[in-house]
Amino acid sequence: RHLRVVRIGGEALRGEDLGFRIRHLPPTCRYFNVYSSTEAGSVLVQELDSDAEVSTGAVPMGYPLPGREVLITNDAGEEMPAGESGEIRVRSKYFADGYWRQPGLTAERFIPLGDGTVVLRTGDVGRMRPDGCVEYLGRRDLLLKVRGNRVEAVSYTHLRAHETVLDLVCRLLLEKKKNQVIKIESLDKESR
């Protein structure tokens, strides 16, 4: 009843989840979808209208915050036109200095420009709508997130490529007195 603001981030927001959540919030509550990264902090934001009709699928991430410019680029770093997909890059002077004791990864992801700003290669894929709103489409690398836990999916892709595997599902298992465990289960082709 006294809840005034809800800020969602860290995972792609789906329309069906948004509709469920908004139905249970007070009508005066403001709801924000925020795209952030550890390196850049908050980058994109969109206030979501609780009265709007909620569609299924991914909810757009929003518009750049002041001091951040979002670029959608191809592999060569060239900007893509609105509606085309590419890597989400963020240009700003408000970033971390790089990755602790990982100069190679820092050089790959943080591209300094001559004007004091840096372009961060996020590894995320998206597209910009004509109105400047950014939509999230997925990852370029093999990073999966299962309920906020990062999972390198090297083993996932090897398993998925096996001739007997139709698809894989990641589940988060909670074990008593232990850390959370990610379990990858296969759906084999012969079970269908």
C-alpha atoms as a PDB file:
ATOM      1  CA  ARG A   1       0.000   0.000   0.000  1.00  0.00           C
ATOM      2  CA  HIS A   2       2.874   2.395   0.700  1.00  0.00           C
ATOM      3  CA  LEU A   3       5.058   1.136  -2.128  1.00  0.00           C
ATOM      4  CA  ARG A   4       5.859   4.110  -4.373  1.00  0.00           C
ATOM      5  CA  VAL A   5       8.566   2.940  -6.820  1.00  0.00           C
ATOM      6  CA  VAL A   6       9.635  -0.418  -8.248  1.00  0.00           C
ATOM      7  CA  ARG A   7      12.869  -0.656 -10.219  1.00  0.00           C
ATOM      8  CA  ILE A   8      13.498  -3.832 -12.233  1.00  0.00           C
ATOM      9  CA  GLY A   9      16.915  -4.697 -13.653  1.00  0.00           C
ATOM     10  CA  GLY A  10      19.467  -7.461 -14.015  1.00  0.00           C
ATOM     11  CA  GLU A  11      17.321  -9.685 -16.217  1.00  0.00           C
ATOM     12  CA  ALA A  12      15.366  -9.092 -19.398  1.00  0.00           C
ATOM     13  CA  LEU A  13      11.810  -8.177 -18.430  1.00  0.00           C
ATOM     14  CA  ARG A  14       9.073 -10.130 -20.206  1.00  0.00           C
ATOM     15  CA  GLY A  15       5.646  -8.640 -20.858  1.00  0.00           C
ATOM     16  CA  GLU A  16       3.855 -11.546 -19.219  1.00  0.00           C
ATOM     17  CA  ASP A  17       5.914 -11.038 -16.015  1.00  0.00           C
ATOM     18  CA  LEU A  18       5.309  -7.297 -16.108  1.00  0.00           C
ATOM     19  CA  GLY A  19       1.542  -7.760 -16.356  1.00  0.00           C
ATOM     20  CA  PHE A  20       1.577 -10.115 -13.377  1.00  0.00           C
ATOM     21  CA  ARG A  21       3.647  -7.734 -11.267  1.00  0.00           C
ATOM     22  CA  ILE A  22       1.747  -4.563 -12.121  1.00  0.00           C
ATOM     23  CA  ARG A  23      -1.604  -6.158 -11.220  1.00  0.00           C
ATOM     24  CA  HIS A  24      -0.315  -6.603  -7.652  1.00  0.00           C
ATOM     25  CA  LEU A  25       0.999  -3.087  -7.164  1.00  0.00           C
ATOM     26  CA  PRO A  26      -0.889  -0.076  -5.843  1.00  0.00           C
ATOM     27  CA  PRO A  27      -2.189   2.132  -8.662  1.00  0.00           C
ATOM     28  CA  THR A  28      -0.006   5.027  -7.489  1.00  0.00           C
ATOM     29  CA  CYS A  29       3.207   2.972  -7.708  1.00  0.00           C
ATOM     30  CA  ARG A  30       5.695   3.980 -10.439  1.00  0.00           C
ATOM     31  CA  TYR A  31       7.401   1.111 -12.262  1.00  0.00           C
ATOM     32  CA  PHE A  32      10.804   1.423 -14.017  1.00  0.00           C
ATOM     33  CA  ASN A  33      12.659  -0.998 -16.283  1.00  0.00           C
ATOM     34  CA  VAL A  34      16.413  -0.271 -16.016  1.00  0.00           C
ATOM     35  CA  TYR A  35      19.329  -1.626 -18.043  1.00  0.00           C
ATOM     36  CA  SER A  36      22.551  -1.585 -16.031  1.00  0.00           C
ATOM     37  CA  SER A  37      25.946  -3.193 -15.961  1.00  0.00           C
ATOM     38  CA  THR A  38      28.577  -3.544 -13.282  1.00  0.00           C
ATOM     39  CA  GLU A  39      31.003  -1.518 -15.402  1.00  0.00           C
ATOM     40  CA  ALA A  40      28.664   1.348 -16.332  1.00  0.00           C
ATOM     41  CA  GLY A  41      25.994   1.509 -13.645  1.00  0.00           C
ATOM     42  CA  SER A  42      22.533   2.431 -14.901  1.00  0.00           C
ATOM     43  CA  VAL A  43      22.464   3.131 -18.643  1.00  0.00           C
ATOM     44  CA  LEU A  44      18.877   2.942 -19.941  1.00  0.00           C
ATOM     45  CA  VAL A  45      15.585   3.537 -18.184  1.00  0.00           C
ATOM     46  CA  GLN A  46      11.930   3.434 -19.095  1.00  0.00           C
ATOM     47  CA  GLU A  47       8.977   4.196 -16.893  1.00  0.00           C
ATOM     48  CA  LEU A  48       6.267   1.660 -17.577  1.00  0.00           C
ATOM     49  CA  ASP A  49       2.658   2.757 -17.603  1.00  0.00           C
ATOM     50  CA  SER A  50       0.543   0.568 -15.355  1.00  0.00           C
ATOM     51  CA  ASP A  51      -2.555   1.397 -17.439  1.00  0.00           C
ATOM     52  CA  ALA A  52      -1.014   0.388 -20.778  1.00  0.00           C
ATOM     53  CA  GLU A  53      -1.921  -2.901 -22.376  1.00  0.00           C
ATOM     54  CA  VAL A  54       0.884  -5.370 -21.692  1.00  0.00           C
ATOM     55  CA  SER A  55       2.113  -7.434 -24.613  1.00  0.00           C
ATOM     56  CA  THR A  56       4.045 -10.683 -24.442  1.00  0.00           C
ATOM     57  CA  GLY A  57       7.744 -10.943 -25.196  1.00  0.00           C
ATOM     58  CA  ALA A  58      10.610  -8.688 -24.179  1.00  0.00           C
ATOM     59  CA  VAL A  59       9.832  -5.259 -22.746  1.00  0.00           C
ATOM     60  CA  PRO A  60      12.030  -2.519 -24.281  1.00  0.00           C
ATOM     61  CA  MET A  61      14.824  -1.418 -21.928  1.00  0.00           C
ATOM     62  CA  GLY A  62      14.336   2.279 -22.436  1.00  0.00           C
ATOM     63  CA  TYR A  63      16.239   5.431 -23.228  1.00  0.00           C
ATOM     64  CA  PRO A  64      19.787   6.529 -22.300  1.00  0.00           C
ATOM     65  CA  LEU A  65      20.267   8.402 -19.052  1.00  0.00           C
ATOM     66  CA  PRO A  66      22.089  11.758 -19.106  1.00  0.00           C
ATOM     67  CA  GLY A  67      25.828  11.316 -19.639  1.00  0.00           C
ATOM     68  CA  ARG A  68      25.388   8.055 -21.554  1.00  0.00           C
ATOM     69  CA  GLU A  69      25.115   7.510 -25.286  1.00  0.00           C
ATOM     70  CA  VAL A  70      24.005   4.078 -26.492  1.00  0.00           C
ATOM     71  CA  LEU A  71      25.248   2.763 -29.816  1.00  0.00           C
ATOM     72  CA  ILE A  72      24.173  -0.370 -31.668  1.00  0.00           C
ATOM     73  CA  THR A  73      27.148  -1.556 -33.722  1.00  0.00           C
ATOM     74  CA  ASN A  74      28.226  -4.316 -36.061  1.00  0.00           C
ATOM     75  CA  ASP A  75      31.360  -6.411 -35.473  1.00  0.00           C
ATOM     76  CA  ALA A  76      33.554  -3.660 -36.956  1.00  0.00           C
ATOM     77  CA  GLY A  77      32.182  -1.104 -34.482  1.00  0.00           C
ATOM     78  CA  GLU A  78      30.130   0.773 -37.100  1.00  0.00           C
ATOM     79  CA  GLU A  79      26.743   2.089 -36.025  1.00  0.00           C
ATOM     80  CA  MET A  80      23.722   0.185 -37.279  1.00  0.00           C
ATOM     81  CA  PRO A  81      20.583   1.967 -38.502  1.00  0.00           C
ATOM     82  CA  ALA A  82      17.439   1.937 -36.356  1.00  0.00           C
ATOM     83  CA  GLY A  83      15.738  -1.445 -36.396  1.00  0.00           C
ATOM     84  CA  GLU A  84      18.940  -3.422 -37.116  1.00  0.00           C
ATOM     85  CA  SER A  85      20.478  -5.610 -34.426  1.00  0.00           C
ATOM     86  CA  GLY A  86      24.034  -5.402 -33.162  1.00  0.00           C
ATOM     87  CA  GLU A  87      26.166  -5.156 -30.041  1.00  0.00           C
ATOM     88  CA  ILE A  88      25.059  -2.633 -27.434  1.00  0.00           C
ATOM     89  CA  ARG A  89      27.916  -0.233 -26.726  1.00  0.00           C
ATOM     90  CA  VAL A  90      27.804   2.613 -24.244  1.00  0.00           C
ATOM     91  CA  ARG A  91      29.778   5.836 -24.579  1.00  0.00           C
ATOM     92  CA  SER A  92      30.370   7.815 -21.395  1.00  0.00           C
ATOM     93  CA  LYS A  93      32.968   9.168 -19.019  1.00  0.00           C
ATOM     94  CA  TYR A  94      31.266   7.492 -16.038  1.00  0.00           C
ATOM     95  CA  PHE A  95      32.698   3.971 -16.029  1.00  0.00           C
ATOM     96  CA  ALA A  96      34.808   1.707 -13.900  1.00  0.00           C
ATOM     97  CA  ASP A  97      38.512   1.888 -14.745  1.00  0.00           C
ATOM     98  CA  GLY A  98      38.481  -1.668 -16.065  1.00  0.00           C
ATOM     99  CA  TYR A  99      38.622  -5.204 -14.750  1.00  0.00           C
ATOM    100  CA  TRP A 100      40.786  -5.959 -11.709  1.00  0.00           C
ATOM    101  CA  ARG A 101      44.062  -7.565 -12.831  1.00  0.00           C
ATOM    102  CA  GLN A 102      42.670  -8.360 -16.295  1.00  0.00           C
ATOM    103  CA  PRO A 103      44.383  -5.895 -18.649  1.00  0.00           C
ATOM    104  CA  GLY A 104      43.556  -7.938 -21.769  1.00  0.00           C
ATOM    105  CA  LEU A 105      39.839  -7.991 -21.047  1.00  0.00           C
ATOM    106  CA  THR A 106      39.938  -4.315 -20.051  1.00  0.00           C
ATOM    107  CA  ALA A 107      41.567  -3.383 -23.375  1.00  0.00           C
ATOM    108  CA  GLU A 108      38.983  -5.452 -25.279  1.00  0.00           C
ATOM    109  CA  ARG A 109      35.911  -4.025 -23.537  1.00  0.00           C
ATOM    110  CA  PHE A 110      36.892  -0.424 -22.610  1.00  0.00           C
ATOM    111  CA  ILE A 111      37.807   1.596 -25.718  1.00  0.00           C
ATOM    112  CA  PRO A 112      39.149   5.056 -24.784  1.00  0.00           C
ATOM    113  CA  LEU A 113      38.381   7.964 -27.099  1.00  0.00           C
ATOM    114  CA  GLY A 114      40.412  11.143 -27.419  1.00  0.00           C
ATOM    115  CA  ASP A 115      37.762  13.352 -25.799  1.00  0.00           C
ATOM    116  CA  GLY A 116      37.955  11.724 -22.345  1.00  0.00           C
ATOM    117  CA  THR A 117      35.046   9.379 -22.948  1.00  0.00           C
ATOM    118  CA  VAL A 118      35.172   5.609 -23.217  1.00  0.00           C
ATOM    119  CA  VAL A 119      33.097   3.187 -25.261  1.00  0.00           C
ATOM    120  CA  LEU A 120      32.147   0.063 -23.311  1.00  0.00           C
ATOM    121  CA  ARG A 121      31.475  -3.106 -25.291  1.00  0.00           C
ATOM    122  CA  THR A 122      28.734  -4.736 -23.212  1.00  0.00           C
ATOM    123  CA  GLY A 123      28.529  -8.112 -24.962  1.00  0.00           C
ATOM    124  CA  ASP A 124      24.754  -7.649 -25.131  1.00  0.00           C
ATOM    125  CA  VAL A 125      22.850  -7.610 -28.411  1.00  0.00           C
ATOM    126  CA  GLY A 126      20.008  -5.206 -29.066  1.00  0.00           C
ATOM    127  CA  ARG A 127      18.361  -2.912 -31.549  1.00  0.00           C
ATOM    128  CA  MET A 128      17.340   0.710 -31.403  1.00  0.00           C
ATOM    129  CA  ARG A 129      13.844   1.698 -32.387  1.00  0.00           C
ATOM    130  CA  PRO A 130      13.325   4.848 -34.492  1.00  0.00           C
ATOM    131  CA  ASP A 131      12.270   6.727 -31.326  1.00  0.00           C
ATOM    132  CA  GLY A 132      15.624   5.928 -29.629  1.00  0.00           C
ATOM    133  CA  CYS A 133      14.277   3.236 -27.283  1.00  0.00           C
ATOM    134  CA  VAL A 134      16.578   0.195 -27.031  1.00  0.00           C
ATOM    135  CA  GLU A 135      15.348  -3.409 -27.130  1.00  0.00           C
ATOM    136  CA  TYR A 136      17.414  -6.233 -25.609  1.00  0.00           C
ATOM    137  CA  LEU A 137      17.837  -9.332 -27.814  1.00  0.00           C
ATOM    138  CA  GLY A 138      20.368 -11.468 -25.935  1.00  0.00           C
ATOM    139  CA  ARG A 139      24.112 -12.024 -25.491  1.00  0.00           C
ATOM    140  CA  ARG A 140      26.997 -12.255 -27.977  1.00  0.00           C
ATOM    141  CA  ASP A 141      29.038 -14.566 -25.772  1.00  0.00           C
ATOM    142  CA  LEU A 142      28.253 -17.738 -23.887  1.00  0.00           C
ATOM    143  CA  LEU A 143      27.123 -16.107 -20.658  1.00  0.00           C
ATOM    144  CA  LEU A 144      23.787 -17.301 -19.294  1.00  0.00           C
ATOM    145  CA  LYS A 145      21.969 -15.866 -16.328  1.00  0.00           C
ATOM    146  CA  VAL A 146      19.778 -18.158 -14.281  1.00  0.00           C
ATOM    147  CA  ARG A 147      17.879 -16.197 -11.620  1.00  0.00           C
ATOM    148  CA  GLY A 148      20.673 -13.635 -11.516  1.00  0.00           C
ATOM    149  CA  ASN A 149      23.500 -16.207 -11.363  1.00  0.00           C
ATOM    150  CA  ARG A 150      26.047 -15.963 -14.174  1.00  0.00           C
ATOM    151  CA  VAL A 151      26.819 -19.283 -15.862  1.00  0.00           C
ATOM    152  CA  GLU A 152      29.492 -19.676 -18.510  1.00  0.00           C
ATOM    153  CA  ALA A 153      27.778 -21.841 -21.076  1.00  0.00           C
ATOM    154  CA  VAL A 154      30.746 -23.589 -22.656  1.00  0.00           C
ATOM    155  CA  SER A 155      29.538 -26.951 -21.362  1.00  0.00           C
ATOM    156  CA  TYR A 156      25.998 -25.982 -22.317  1.00  0.00           C
ATOM    157  CA  THR A 157      26.907 -25.457 -25.989  1.00  0.00           C
ATOM    158  CA  HIS A 158      28.934 -28.673 -26.147  1.00  0.00           C
ATOM    159  CA  LEU A 159      26.016 -30.638 -24.746  1.00  0.00           C
ATOM    160  CA  ARG A 160      23.528 -28.931 -27.040  1.00  0.00           C
ATOM    161  CA  ALA A 161      25.624 -29.802 -30.092  1.00  0.00           C
ATOM    162  CA  HIS A 162      25.499 -33.527 -29.324  1.00  0.00           C
ATOM    163  CA  GLU A 163      23.512 -35.494 -31.908  1.00  0.00           C
ATOM    164  CA  THR A 164      21.136 -37.015 -29.356  1.00  0.00           C
ATOM    165  CA  VAL A 165      20.224 -33.727 -27.644  1.00  0.00           C
ATOM    166  CA  LEU A 166      17.191 -31.760 -28.807  1.00  0.00           C
ATOM    167  CA  ASP A 167      17.472 -28.921 -26.297  1.00  0.00           C
ATOM    168  CA  LEU A 168      18.689 -28.067 -22.800  1.00  0.00           C
ATOM    169  CA  VAL A 169      17.085 -26.498 -19.783  1.00  0.00           C
ATOM    170  CA  CYS A 170      18.918 -24.747 -16.942  1.00  0.00           C
ATOM    171  CA  ARG A 171      17.408 -25.046 -13.488  1.00  0.00           C
ATOM    172  CA  LEU A 172      18.470 -23.438 -10.259  1.00  0.00           C
ATOM    173  CA  LEU A 173      18.513 -25.965  -7.434  1.00  0.00           C
ATOM    174  CA  LEU A 174      18.474 -24.845  -3.840  1.00  0.00           C
ATOM    175  CA  GLU A 175      20.257 -27.272  -1.571  1.00  0.00           C
ATOM    176  CA  LYS A 176      20.116 -27.059   2.201  1.00  0.00           C
ATOM    177  CA  LYS A 177      23.272 -25.655   3.793  1.00  0.00           C
ATOM    178  CA  LYS A 178      24.959 -25.307   0.393  1.00  0.00           C
ATOM    179  CA  ASN A 179      25.335 -22.625  -2.221  1.00  0.00           C
ATOM    180  CA  GLN A 180      22.910 -22.512  -5.096  1.00  0.00           C
ATOM    181  CA  VAL A 181      23.662 -25.029  -7.849  1.00  0.00           C
ATOM    182  CA  ILE A 182      22.894 -24.707 -11.529  1.00  0.00           C
ATOM    183  CA  LYS A 183      21.826 -27.957 -13.160  1.00  0.00           C
ATOM    184  CA  ILE A 184      21.678 -28.370 -16.930  1.00  0.00           C
ATOM    185  CA  GLU A 185      19.250 -31.058 -18.063  1.00  0.00           C
ATOM    186  CA  SER A 186      18.917 -32.386 -21.596  1.00  0.00           C
ATOM    187  CA  LEU A 187      15.835 -33.277 -23.543  1.00  0.00           C
ATOM    188  CA  ASP A 188      16.968 -36.031 -25.859  1.00  0.00           C
ATOM    189  CA  LYS A 189      15.565 -36.425 -29.357  1.00  0.00           C
ATOM    190  CA  GLU A 190      14.279 -39.937 -28.726  1.00  0.00           C
ATOM    191  CA  SER A 191      12.022 -38.853 -25.852  1.00  0.00           C
ATOM    192  CA  ARG A 192       9.898 -36.758 -28.211  1.00  0.00           C
END
